Amino acid sequence: MRITKISYQNIQFCYSDYSKQLYDSILRIGFSFPIKVQMIDNQCVCIDGHKRLSVLSDILKNDPSYHRGDQVCIVVENNGDMRSNDCWRGRNTH
């Protein structure tokens, strides 16, 4: 798993219905859990967080100056074609 910063506009996701409570919560405190995406053919595809991205897109439609829209934590799942940093203890030390 690799944590990286990417724009939410570059993520392919299925717009999903969501509750008013989810909308209000994201508007008030932001995201409590990161969005998970996977790189497929050089495109970011959402694998967890469709509703949260739907809320974010609606919030930004209603208020383009929403200050948390650029502070979304997105986790890019490693599908084997990216090198991720391993633990230093597992490296050759001689």
PDB file of N, CA and C in Angstrom:
ATOM      1  N   MET A   1       0.855  -1.166   0.000  1.00  0.00           N
ATOM      2  CA  MET A   1       0.000   0.000   0.000  1.00  0.00           C
ATOM      3  C   MET A   1       0.903   1.231   0.000  1.00  0.00           C
ATOM      4  N   ARG A   2       0.492   2.238  -0.766  1.00  0.00           N
ATOM      5  CA  ARG A   2       1.250   3.475  -0.851  1.00  0.00           C
ATOM      6  C   ARG A   2       0.277   4.640  -0.666  1.00  0.00           C
ATOM      7  N   ILE A   3       0.667   5.588   0.157  1.00  0.00           N
ATOM      8  CA  ILE A   3      -0.160   6.772   0.342  1.00  0.00           C
ATOM      9  C   ILE A   3       0.415   7.859  -0.543  1.00  0.00           C
ATOM     10  N   THR A   4      -0.438   8.466  -1.343  1.00  0.00           N
ATOM     11  CA  THR A   4       0.010   9.480  -2.287  1.00  0.00           C
ATOM     12  C   THR A   4      -1.047  10.564  -2.402  1.00  0.00           C
ATOM     13  N   LYS A   5      -0.657  11.693  -2.944  1.00  0.00           N
ATOM     14  CA  LYS A   5      -1.607  12.792  -3.123  1.00  0.00           C
ATOM     15  C   LYS A   5      -1.964  12.890  -4.600  1.00  0.00           C
ATOM     16  N   ILE A   6      -3.247  12.708  -4.874  1.00  0.00           N
ATOM     17  CA  ILE A   6      -3.752  12.859  -6.236  1.00  0.00           C
ATOM     18  C   ILE A   6      -5.055  13.646  -6.164  1.00  0.00           C
ATOM     19  N   SER A   7      -5.392  14.264  -7.261  1.00  0.00           N
ATOM     20  CA  SER A   7      -6.621  15.045  -7.306  1.00  0.00           C
ATOM     21  C   SER A   7      -7.830  14.113  -7.398  1.00  0.00           C
ATOM     22  N   TYR A   8      -8.878  14.452  -6.681  1.00  0.00           N
ATOM     23  CA  TYR A   8     -10.060  13.589  -6.719  1.00  0.00           C
ATOM     24  C   TYR A   8     -10.688  13.574  -8.112  1.00  0.00           C
ATOM     25  N   GLN A   9     -10.464  14.617  -8.907  1.00  0.00           N
ATOM     26  CA  GLN A   9     -11.020  14.655 -10.262  1.00  0.00           C
ATOM     27  C   GLN A   9     -10.409  13.585 -11.159  1.00  0.00           C
ATOM     28  N   ASN A  10      -9.253  13.065 -10.787  1.00  0.00           N
ATOM     29  CA  ASN A  10      -8.588  12.042 -11.596  1.00  0.00           C
ATOM     30  C   ASN A  10      -8.996  10.627 -11.217  1.00  0.00           C
ATOM     31  N   ILE A  11      -9.933  10.492 -10.306  1.00  0.00           N
ATOM     32  CA  ILE A  11     -10.365   9.166  -9.858  1.00  0.00           C
ATOM     33  C   ILE A  11     -11.658   8.787 -10.555  1.00  0.00           C
ATOM     34  N   GLN A  12     -11.655   7.616 -11.150  1.00  0.00           N
ATOM     35  CA  GLN A  12     -12.886   7.101 -11.747  1.00  0.00           C
ATOM     36  C   GLN A  12     -13.700   6.425 -10.654  1.00  0.00           C
ATOM     37  N   PHE A  13     -14.945   6.863 -10.499  1.00  0.00           N
ATOM     38  CA  PHE A  13     -15.811   6.263  -9.485  1.00  0.00           C
ATOM     39  C   PHE A  13     -17.243   6.285  -9.982  1.00  0.00           C
ATOM     40  N   CYS A  14     -18.054   5.427  -9.392  1.00  0.00           N
ATOM     41  CA  CYS A  14     -19.481   5.370  -9.729  1.00  0.00           C
ATOM     42  C   CYS A  14     -20.221   6.272  -8.754  1.00  0.00           C
ATOM     43  N   TYR A  15     -20.899   7.275  -9.285  1.00  0.00           N
ATOM     44  CA  TYR A  15     -21.673   8.155  -8.426  1.00  0.00           C
ATOM     45  C   TYR A  15     -22.716   7.322  -7.698  1.00  0.00           C
ATOM     46  N   SER A  16     -22.784   7.480  -6.381  1.00  0.00           N
ATOM     47  CA  SER A  16     -23.688   6.681  -5.546  1.00  0.00           C
ATOM     48  C   SER A  16     -24.562   7.582  -4.692  1.00  0.00           C
ATOM     49  N   ASP A  17     -25.758   7.105  -4.407  1.00  0.00           N
ATOM     50  CA  ASP A  17     -26.629   7.813  -3.470  1.00  0.00           C
ATOM     51  C   ASP A  17     -26.039   7.719  -2.072  1.00  0.00           C
ATOM     52  N   TYR A  18     -26.285   8.737  -1.267  1.00  0.00           N
ATOM     53  CA  TYR A  18     -25.748   8.771   0.087  1.00  0.00           C
ATOM     54  C   TYR A  18     -26.757   9.453   0.991  1.00  0.00           C
ATOM     55  N   SER A  19     -26.523   9.314   2.287  1.00  0.00           N
ATOM     56  CA  SER A  19     -27.446   9.887   3.263  1.00  0.00           C
ATOM     57  C   SER A  19     -27.087  11.345   3.550  1.00  0.00           C
ATOM     58  N   LYS A  20     -28.059  12.066   4.047  1.00  0.00           N
ATOM     59  CA  LYS A  20     -27.838  13.449   4.466  1.00  0.00           C
ATOM     60  C   LYS A  20     -26.835  13.500   5.610  1.00  0.00           C
ATOM     61  N   GLN A  21     -26.857  12.487   6.483  1.00  0.00           N
ATOM     62  CA  GLN A  21     -25.922  12.437   7.594  1.00  0.00           C
ATOM     63  C   GLN A  21     -24.478  12.346   7.105  1.00  0.00           C
ATOM     64  N   LEU A  22     -24.237  11.549   6.064  1.00  0.00           N
ATOM     65  CA  LEU A  22     -22.888  11.439   5.516  1.00  0.00           C
ATOM     66  C   LEU A  22     -22.452  12.772   4.922  1.00  0.00           C
ATOM     67  N   TYR A  23     -23.341  13.405   4.183  1.00  0.00           N
ATOM     68  CA  TYR A  23     -23.042  14.722   3.594  1.00  0.00           C
ATOM     69  C   TYR A  23     -22.684  15.730   4.688  1.00  0.00           C
ATOM     70  N   ASP A  24     -23.517  15.802   5.710  1.00  0.00           N
ATOM     71  CA  ASP A  24     -23.283  16.759   6.807  1.00  0.00           C
ATOM     72  C   ASP A  24     -21.991  16.456   7.554  1.00  0.00           C
ATOM     73  N   SER A  25     -21.698  15.177   7.759  1.00  0.00           N
ATOM     74  CA  SER A  25     -20.485  14.789   8.466  1.00  0.00           C
ATOM     75  C   SER A  25     -19.227  15.179   7.683  1.00  0.00           C
ATOM     76  N   ILE A  26     -19.233  14.915   6.392  1.00  0.00           N
ATOM     77  CA  ILE A  26     -18.075  15.268   5.567  1.00  0.00           C
ATOM     78  C   ILE A  26     -17.935  16.783   5.480  1.00  0.00           C
ATOM     79  N   LEU A  27     -19.031  17.464   5.381  1.00  0.00           N
ATOM     80  CA  LEU A  27     -18.989  18.918   5.338  1.00  0.00           C
ATOM     81  C   LEU A  27     -18.423  19.490   6.639  1.00  0.00           C
ATOM     82  N   ARG A  28     -18.795  18.879   7.753  1.00  0.00           N
ATOM     83  CA  ARG A  28     -18.377  19.375   9.067  1.00  0.00           C
ATOM     84  C   ARG A  28     -16.943  18.988   9.426  1.00  0.00           C
ATOM     85  N   ILE A  29     -16.573  17.699   9.261  1.00  0.00           N
ATOM     86  CA  ILE A  29     -15.265  17.243   9.740  1.00  0.00           C
ATOM     87  C   ILE A  29     -14.354  16.668   8.662  1.00  0.00           C
ATOM     88  N   GLY A  30     -14.855  16.504   7.454  1.00  0.00           N
ATOM     89  CA  GLY A  30     -14.027  15.903   6.401  1.00  0.00           C
ATOM     90  C   GLY A  30     -14.124  14.384   6.446  1.00  0.00           C
ATOM     91  N   PHE A  31     -13.157  13.725   5.827  1.00  0.00           N
ATOM     92  CA  PHE A  31     -13.166  12.265   5.749  1.00  0.00           C
ATOM     93  C   PHE A  31     -12.515  11.665   6.980  1.00  0.00           C
ATOM     94  N   SER A  32     -13.132  10.625   7.516  1.00  0.00           N
ATOM     95  CA  SER A  32     -12.559   9.900   8.648  1.00  0.00           C
ATOM     96  C   SER A  32     -11.707   8.727   8.173  1.00  0.00           C
ATOM     97  N   PHE A  33     -11.967   8.250   6.974  1.00  0.00           N
ATOM     98  CA  PHE A  33     -11.241   7.114   6.412  1.00  0.00           C
ATOM     99  C   PHE A  33     -10.758   7.476   5.015  1.00  0.00           C
ATOM    100  N   PRO A  34      -9.593   6.974   4.623  1.00  0.00           N
ATOM    101  CA  PRO A  34      -9.073   7.320   3.298  1.00  0.00           C
ATOM    102  C   PRO A  34      -9.859   6.642   2.180  1.00  0.00           C
ATOM    103  N   ILE A  35      -9.815   7.258   1.021  1.00  0.00           N
ATOM    104  CA  ILE A  35     -10.369   6.677  -0.193  1.00  0.00           C
ATOM    105  C   ILE A  35      -9.334   5.679  -0.702  1.00  0.00           C
ATOM    106  N   LYS A  36      -9.760   4.506  -1.139  1.00  0.00           N
ATOM    107  CA  LYS A  36      -8.824   3.525  -1.683  1.00  0.00           C
ATOM    108  C   LYS A  36      -9.017   3.439  -3.193  1.00  0.00           C
ATOM    109  N   VAL A  37      -7.915   3.577  -3.903  1.00  0.00           N
ATOM    110  CA  VAL A  37      -7.940   3.460  -5.357  1.00  0.00           C
ATOM    111  C   VAL A  37      -6.873   2.474  -5.796  1.00  0.00           C
ATOM    112  N   GLN A  38      -7.024   2.012  -7.006  1.00  0.00           N
ATOM    113  CA  GLN A  38      -6.031   1.126  -7.594  1.00  0.00           C
ATOM    114  C   GLN A  38      -5.682   1.674  -8.971  1.00  0.00           C
ATOM    115  N   MET A  39      -4.414   1.624  -9.314  1.00  0.00           N
ATOM    116  CA  MET A  39      -3.978   2.066 -10.625  1.00  0.00           C
ATOM    117  C   MET A  39      -4.221   0.937 -11.614  1.00  0.00           C
ATOM    118  N   ILE A  40      -5.083   1.194 -12.588  1.00  0.00           N
ATOM    119  CA  ILE A  40      -5.391   0.217 -13.623  1.00  0.00           C
ATOM    120  C   ILE A  40      -5.212   0.920 -14.965  1.00  0.00           C
ATOM    121  N   ASP A  41      -4.270   0.445 -15.759  1.00  0.00           N
ATOM    122  CA  ASP A  41      -3.965   1.049 -17.058  1.00  0.00           C
ATOM    123  C   ASP A  41      -3.701   2.547 -16.922  1.00  0.00           C
ATOM    124  N   ASN A  42      -2.886   2.919 -15.948  1.00  0.00           N
ATOM    125  CA  ASN A  42      -2.507   4.314 -15.675  1.00  0.00           C
ATOM    126  C   ASN A  42      -3.688   5.213 -15.322  1.00  0.00           C
ATOM    127  N   GLN A  43      -4.749   4.634 -14.813  1.00  0.00           N
ATOM    128  CA  GLN A  43      -5.904   5.406 -14.367  1.00  0.00           C
ATOM    129  C   GLN A  43      -6.221   5.011 -12.932  1.00  0.00           C
ATOM    130  N   CYS A  44      -6.623   6.004 -12.134  1.00  0.00           N
ATOM    131  CA  CYS A  44      -7.008   5.750 -10.746  1.00  0.00           C
ATOM    132  C   CYS A  44      -8.464   5.315 -10.714  1.00  0.00           C
ATOM    133  N   VAL A  45      -8.694   4.109 -10.217  1.00  0.00           N
ATOM    134  CA  VAL A  45     -10.049   3.562 -10.146  1.00  0.00           C
ATOM    135  C   VAL A  45     -10.391   3.339  -8.681  1.00  0.00           C
ATOM    136  N   CYS A  46     -11.505   3.899  -8.250  1.00  0.00           N
ATOM    137  CA  CYS A  46     -11.939   3.775  -6.861  1.00  0.00           C
ATOM    138  C   CYS A  46     -12.344   2.338  -6.568  1.00  0.00           C
ATOM    139  N   ILE A  47     -11.801   1.795  -5.473  1.00  0.00           N
ATOM    140  CA  ILE A  47     -12.226   0.468  -5.032  1.00  0.00           C
ATOM    141  C   ILE A  47     -12.948   0.535  -3.687  1.00  0.00           C
ATOM    142  N   ASP A  48     -12.812   1.666  -2.981  1.00  0.00           N
ATOM    143  CA  ASP A  48     -13.548   1.872  -1.741  1.00  0.00           C
ATOM    144  C   ASP A  48     -13.677   3.372  -1.498  1.00  0.00           C
ATOM    145  N   GLY A  49     -14.924   3.866  -1.503  1.00  0.00           N
ATOM    146  CA  GLY A  49     -15.152   5.282  -1.241  1.00  0.00           C
ATOM    147  C   GLY A  49     -16.039   5.971  -2.263  1.00  0.00           C
ATOM    148  N   HIS A  50     -16.829   5.215  -2.997  1.00  0.00           N
ATOM    149  CA  HIS A  50     -17.695   5.797  -4.018  1.00  0.00           C
ATOM    150  C   HIS A  50     -18.669   6.828  -3.430  1.00  0.00           C
ATOM    151  N   LYS A  51     -19.280   6.498  -2.289  1.00  0.00           N
ATOM    152  CA  LYS A  51     -20.229   7.438  -1.672  1.00  0.00           C
ATOM    153  C   LYS A  51     -19.518   8.694  -1.202  1.00  0.00           C
ATOM    154  N   ARG A  52     -18.346   8.529  -0.576  1.00  0.00           N
ATOM    155  CA  ARG A  52     -17.607   9.689  -0.085  1.00  0.00           C
ATOM    156  C   ARG A  52     -17.167  10.593  -1.238  1.00  0.00           C
ATOM    157  N   LEU A  53     -16.747  10.000  -2.351  1.00  0.00           N
ATOM    158  CA  LEU A  53     -16.382  10.810  -3.514  1.00  0.00           C
ATOM    159  C   LEU A  53     -17.614  11.480  -4.125  1.00  0.00           C
ATOM    160  N   SER A  54     -18.753  10.818  -4.057  1.00  0.00           N
ATOM    161  CA  SER A  54     -20.003  11.411  -4.542  1.00  0.00           C
ATOM    162  C   SER A  54     -20.361  12.631  -3.700  1.00  0.00           C
ATOM    163  N   VAL A  55     -20.231  12.498  -2.381  1.00  0.00           N
ATOM    164  CA  VAL A  55     -20.496  13.628  -1.491  1.00  0.00           C
ATOM    165  C   VAL A  55     -19.528  14.761  -1.798  1.00  0.00           C
ATOM    166  N   LEU A  56     -18.250  14.451  -1.926  1.00  0.00           N
ATOM    167  CA  LEU A  56     -17.252  15.480  -2.199  1.00  0.00           C
ATOM    168  C   LEU A  56     -17.544  16.209  -3.506  1.00  0.00           C
ATOM    169  N   SER A  57     -17.918  15.473  -4.534  1.00  0.00           N
ATOM    170  CA  SER A  57     -18.221  16.132  -5.812  1.00  0.00           C
ATOM    171  C   SER A  57     -19.430  17.051  -5.678  1.00  0.00           C
ATOM    172  N   ASP A  58     -20.437  16.647  -4.901  1.00  0.00           N
ATOM    173  CA  ASP A  58     -21.611  17.502  -4.702  1.00  0.00           C
ATOM    174  C   ASP A  58     -21.275  18.723  -3.852  1.00  0.00           C
ATOM    175  N   ILE A  59     -20.457  18.533  -2.816  1.00  0.00           N
ATOM    176  CA  ILE A  59     -20.053  19.669  -1.989  1.00  0.00           C
ATOM    177  C   ILE A  59     -19.316  20.694  -2.842  1.00  0.00           C
ATOM    178  N   LEU A  60     -18.403  20.226  -3.680  1.00  0.00           N
ATOM    179  CA  LEU A  60     -17.624  21.153  -4.508  1.00  0.00           C
ATOM    180  C   LEU A  60     -18.474  21.808  -5.596  1.00  0.00           C
ATOM    181  N   LYS A  61     -19.544  21.129  -6.039  1.00  0.00           N
ATOM    182  CA  LYS A  61     -20.475  21.769  -6.978  1.00  0.00           C
ATOM    183  C   LYS A  61     -21.203  22.917  -6.297  1.00  0.00           C
ATOM    184  N   ASN A  62     -21.610  22.691  -5.050  1.00  0.00           N
ATOM    185  CA  ASN A  62     -22.351  23.703  -4.305  1.00  0.00           C
ATOM    186  C   ASN A  62     -21.458  24.815  -3.780  1.00  0.00           C
ATOM    187  N   ASP A  63     -20.220  24.479  -3.447  1.00  0.00           N
ATOM    188  CA  ASP A  63     -19.289  25.457  -2.880  1.00  0.00           C
ATOM    189  C   ASP A  63     -17.877  25.158  -3.384  1.00  0.00           C
ATOM    190  N   PRO A  64     -17.491  25.698  -4.552  1.00  0.00           N
ATOM    191  CA  PRO A  64     -16.171  25.407  -5.125  1.00  0.00           C
ATOM    192  C   PRO A  64     -15.010  25.813  -4.224  1.00  0.00           C
ATOM    193  N   SER A  65     -15.254  26.675  -3.248  1.00  0.00           N
ATOM    194  CA  SER A  65     -14.176  27.107  -2.358  1.00  0.00           C
ATOM    195  C   SER A  65     -14.052  26.225  -1.119  1.00  0.00           C
ATOM    196  N   TYR A  66     -14.781  25.110  -1.082  1.00  0.00           N
ATOM    197  CA  TYR A  66     -14.717  24.205   0.067  1.00  0.00           C
ATOM    198  C   TYR A  66     -13.259  23.896   0.364  1.00  0.00           C
ATOM    199  N   HIS A  67     -12.816  24.188   1.563  1.00  0.00           N
ATOM    200  CA  HIS A  67     -11.392  24.137   1.899  1.00  0.00           C
ATOM    201  C   HIS A  67     -10.840  22.741   2.157  1.00  0.00           C
ATOM    202  N   ARG A  68     -11.678  21.727   2.239  1.00  0.00           N
ATOM    203  CA  ARG A  68     -11.159  20.380   2.498  1.00  0.00           C
ATOM    204  C   ARG A  68     -11.095  19.532   1.241  1.00  0.00           C
ATOM    205  N   GLY A  69     -11.532  20.064   0.126  1.00  0.00           N
ATOM    206  CA  GLY A  69     -11.544  19.286  -1.114  1.00  0.00           C
ATOM    207  C   GLY A  69     -10.172  18.899  -1.606  1.00  0.00           C
ATOM    208  N   ASP A  70      -9.150  19.654  -1.217  1.00  0.00           N
ATOM    209  CA  ASP A  70      -7.795  19.321  -1.650  1.00  0.00           C
ATOM    210  C   ASP A  70      -7.002  18.624  -0.554  1.00  0.00           C
ATOM    211  N   GLN A  71      -7.669  18.197   0.514  1.00  0.00           N
ATOM    212  CA  GLN A  71      -6.978  17.555   1.625  1.00  0.00           C
ATOM    213  C   GLN A  71      -7.503  16.142   1.869  1.00  0.00           C
ATOM    214  N   VAL A  72      -7.893  15.477   0.815  1.00  0.00           N
ATOM    215  CA  VAL A  72      -8.447  14.137   0.926  1.00  0.00           C
ATOM    216  C   VAL A  72      -7.310  13.124   0.900  1.00  0.00           C
ATOM    217  N   CYS A  73      -7.277  12.237   1.862  1.00  0.00           N
ATOM    218  CA  CYS A  73      -6.264  11.187   1.892  1.00  0.00           C
ATOM    219  C   CYS A  73      -6.724  10.042   0.998  1.00  0.00           C
ATOM    220  N   ILE A  74      -5.861   9.668   0.075  1.00  0.00           N
ATOM    221  CA  ILE A  74      -6.184   8.608  -0.869  1.00  0.00           C
ATOM    222  C   ILE A  74      -5.099   7.549  -0.773  1.00  0.00           C
ATOM    223  N   VAL A  75      -5.495   6.307  -0.604  1.00  0.00           N
ATOM    224  CA  VAL A  75      -4.553   5.202  -0.538  1.00  0.00           C
ATOM    225  C   VAL A  75      -4.574   4.482  -1.874  1.00  0.00           C
ATOM    226  N   VAL A  76      -3.417   4.409  -2.513  1.00  0.00           N
ATOM    227  CA  VAL A  76      -3.296   3.694  -3.772  1.00  0.00           C
ATOM    228  C   VAL A  76      -2.828   2.283  -3.459  1.00  0.00           C
ATOM    229  N   GLU A  77      -3.687   1.320  -3.725  1.00  0.00           N
ATOM    230  CA  GLU A  77      -3.359  -0.067  -3.454  1.00  0.00           C
ATOM    231  C   GLU A  77      -2.303  -0.533  -4.453  1.00  0.00           C
ATOM    232  N   ASN A  78      -1.322  -1.270  -3.973  1.00  0.00           N
ATOM    233  CA  ASN A  78      -0.260  -1.779  -4.820  1.00  0.00           C
ATOM    234  C   ASN A  78      -0.750  -3.051  -5.506  1.00  0.00           C
ATOM    235  N   ASN A  79      -0.848  -2.991  -6.829  1.00  0.00           N
ATOM    236  CA  ASN A  79      -1.298  -4.162  -7.572  1.00  0.00           C
ATOM    237  C   ASN A  79      -0.123  -4.915  -8.195  1.00  0.00           C
ATOM    238  N   GLY A  80       1.078  -4.710  -7.665  1.00  0.00           N
ATOM    239  CA  GLY A  80       2.227  -5.468  -8.104  1.00  0.00           C
ATOM    240  C   GLY A  80       3.107  -4.769  -9.119  1.00  0.00           C
ATOM    241  N   ASP A  81       2.643  -3.666  -9.685  1.00  0.00           N
ATOM    242  CA  ASP A  81       3.457  -2.990 -10.689  1.00  0.00           C
ATOM    243  C   ASP A  81       4.169  -1.756 -10.130  1.00  0.00           C
ATOM    244  N   MET A  82       4.018  -1.496  -8.812  1.00  0.00           N
ATOM    245  CA  MET A  82       4.694  -0.373  -8.179  1.00  0.00           C
ATOM    246  C   MET A  82       5.578  -0.911  -7.066  1.00  0.00           C
ATOM    247  N   ARG A  83       6.714  -0.312  -6.897  1.00  0.00           N
ATOM    248  CA  ARG A  83       7.575  -0.684  -5.782  1.00  0.00           C
ATOM    249  C   ARG A  83       7.183   0.167  -4.596  1.00  0.00           C
ATOM    250  N   SER A  84       6.926  -0.466  -3.487  1.00  0.00           N
ATOM    251  CA  SER A  84       6.633   0.282  -2.271  1.00  0.00           C
ATOM    252  C   SER A  84       7.789   0.105  -1.312  1.00  0.00           C
ATOM    253  N   ASN A  85       7.960   1.062  -0.435  1.00  0.00           N
ATOM    254  CA  ASN A  85       9.066   1.048   0.497  1.00  0.00           C
ATOM    255  C   ASN A  85       8.857  -0.050   1.526  1.00  0.00           C
ATOM    256  N   ASP A  86       9.809  -0.939   1.627  1.00  0.00           N
ATOM    257  CA  ASP A  86       9.694  -2.013   2.607  1.00  0.00           C
ATOM    258  C   ASP A  86      10.319  -1.580   3.936  1.00  0.00           C
ATOM    259  N   CYS A  87      10.126  -2.377   4.918  1.00  0.00           N
ATOM    260  CA  CYS A  87      10.654  -2.081   6.248  1.00  0.00           C
ATOM    261  C   CYS A  87      12.176  -2.120   6.220  1.00  0.00           C
ATOM    262  N   TRP A  88      12.821  -1.206   6.896  1.00  0.00           N
ATOM    263  CA  TRP A  88      14.290  -1.145   6.893  1.00  0.00           C
ATOM    264  C   TRP A  88      14.918  -2.392   7.497  1.00  0.00           C
ATOM    265  N   ARG A  89      14.197  -3.067   8.405  1.00  0.00           N
ATOM    266  CA  ARG A  89      14.772  -4.269   9.044  1.00  0.00           C
ATOM    267  C   ARG A  89      14.931  -5.417   8.070  1.00  0.00           C
ATOM    268  N   GLY A  90      14.153  -5.400   6.991  1.00  0.00           N
ATOM    269  CA  GLY A  90      14.226  -6.496   6.037  1.00  0.00           C
ATOM    270  C   GLY A  90      15.297  -6.306   4.988  1.00  0.00           C
ATOM    271  N   ARG A  91      16.014  -5.226   5.027  1.00  0.00           N
ATOM    272  CA  ARG A  91      17.042  -4.957   4.029  1.00  0.00           C
ATOM    273  C   ARG A  91      18.366  -5.622   4.401  1.00  0.00           C
ATOM    274  N   ASN A  92      19.153  -5.875   3.390  1.00  0.00           N
ATOM    275  CA  ASN A  92      20.476  -6.432   3.590  1.00  0.00           C
ATOM    276  C   ASN A  92      21.338  -5.401   4.311  1.00  0.00           C
ATOM    277  N   THR A  93      21.934  -5.768   5.418  1.00  0.00           N
ATOM    278  CA  THR A  93      22.684  -4.808   6.231  1.00  0.00           C
ATOM    279  C   THR A  93      24.193  -5.025   6.216  1.00  0.00           C
ATOM    280  N   HIS A  94      24.730  -5.889   5.351  1.00  0.00           N
ATOM    281  CA  HIS A  94      26.182  -6.075   5.364  1.00  0.00           C
ATOM    282  C   HIS A  94      26.891  -5.373   4.234  1.00  0.00           C
TER     283      HIS A  94
END
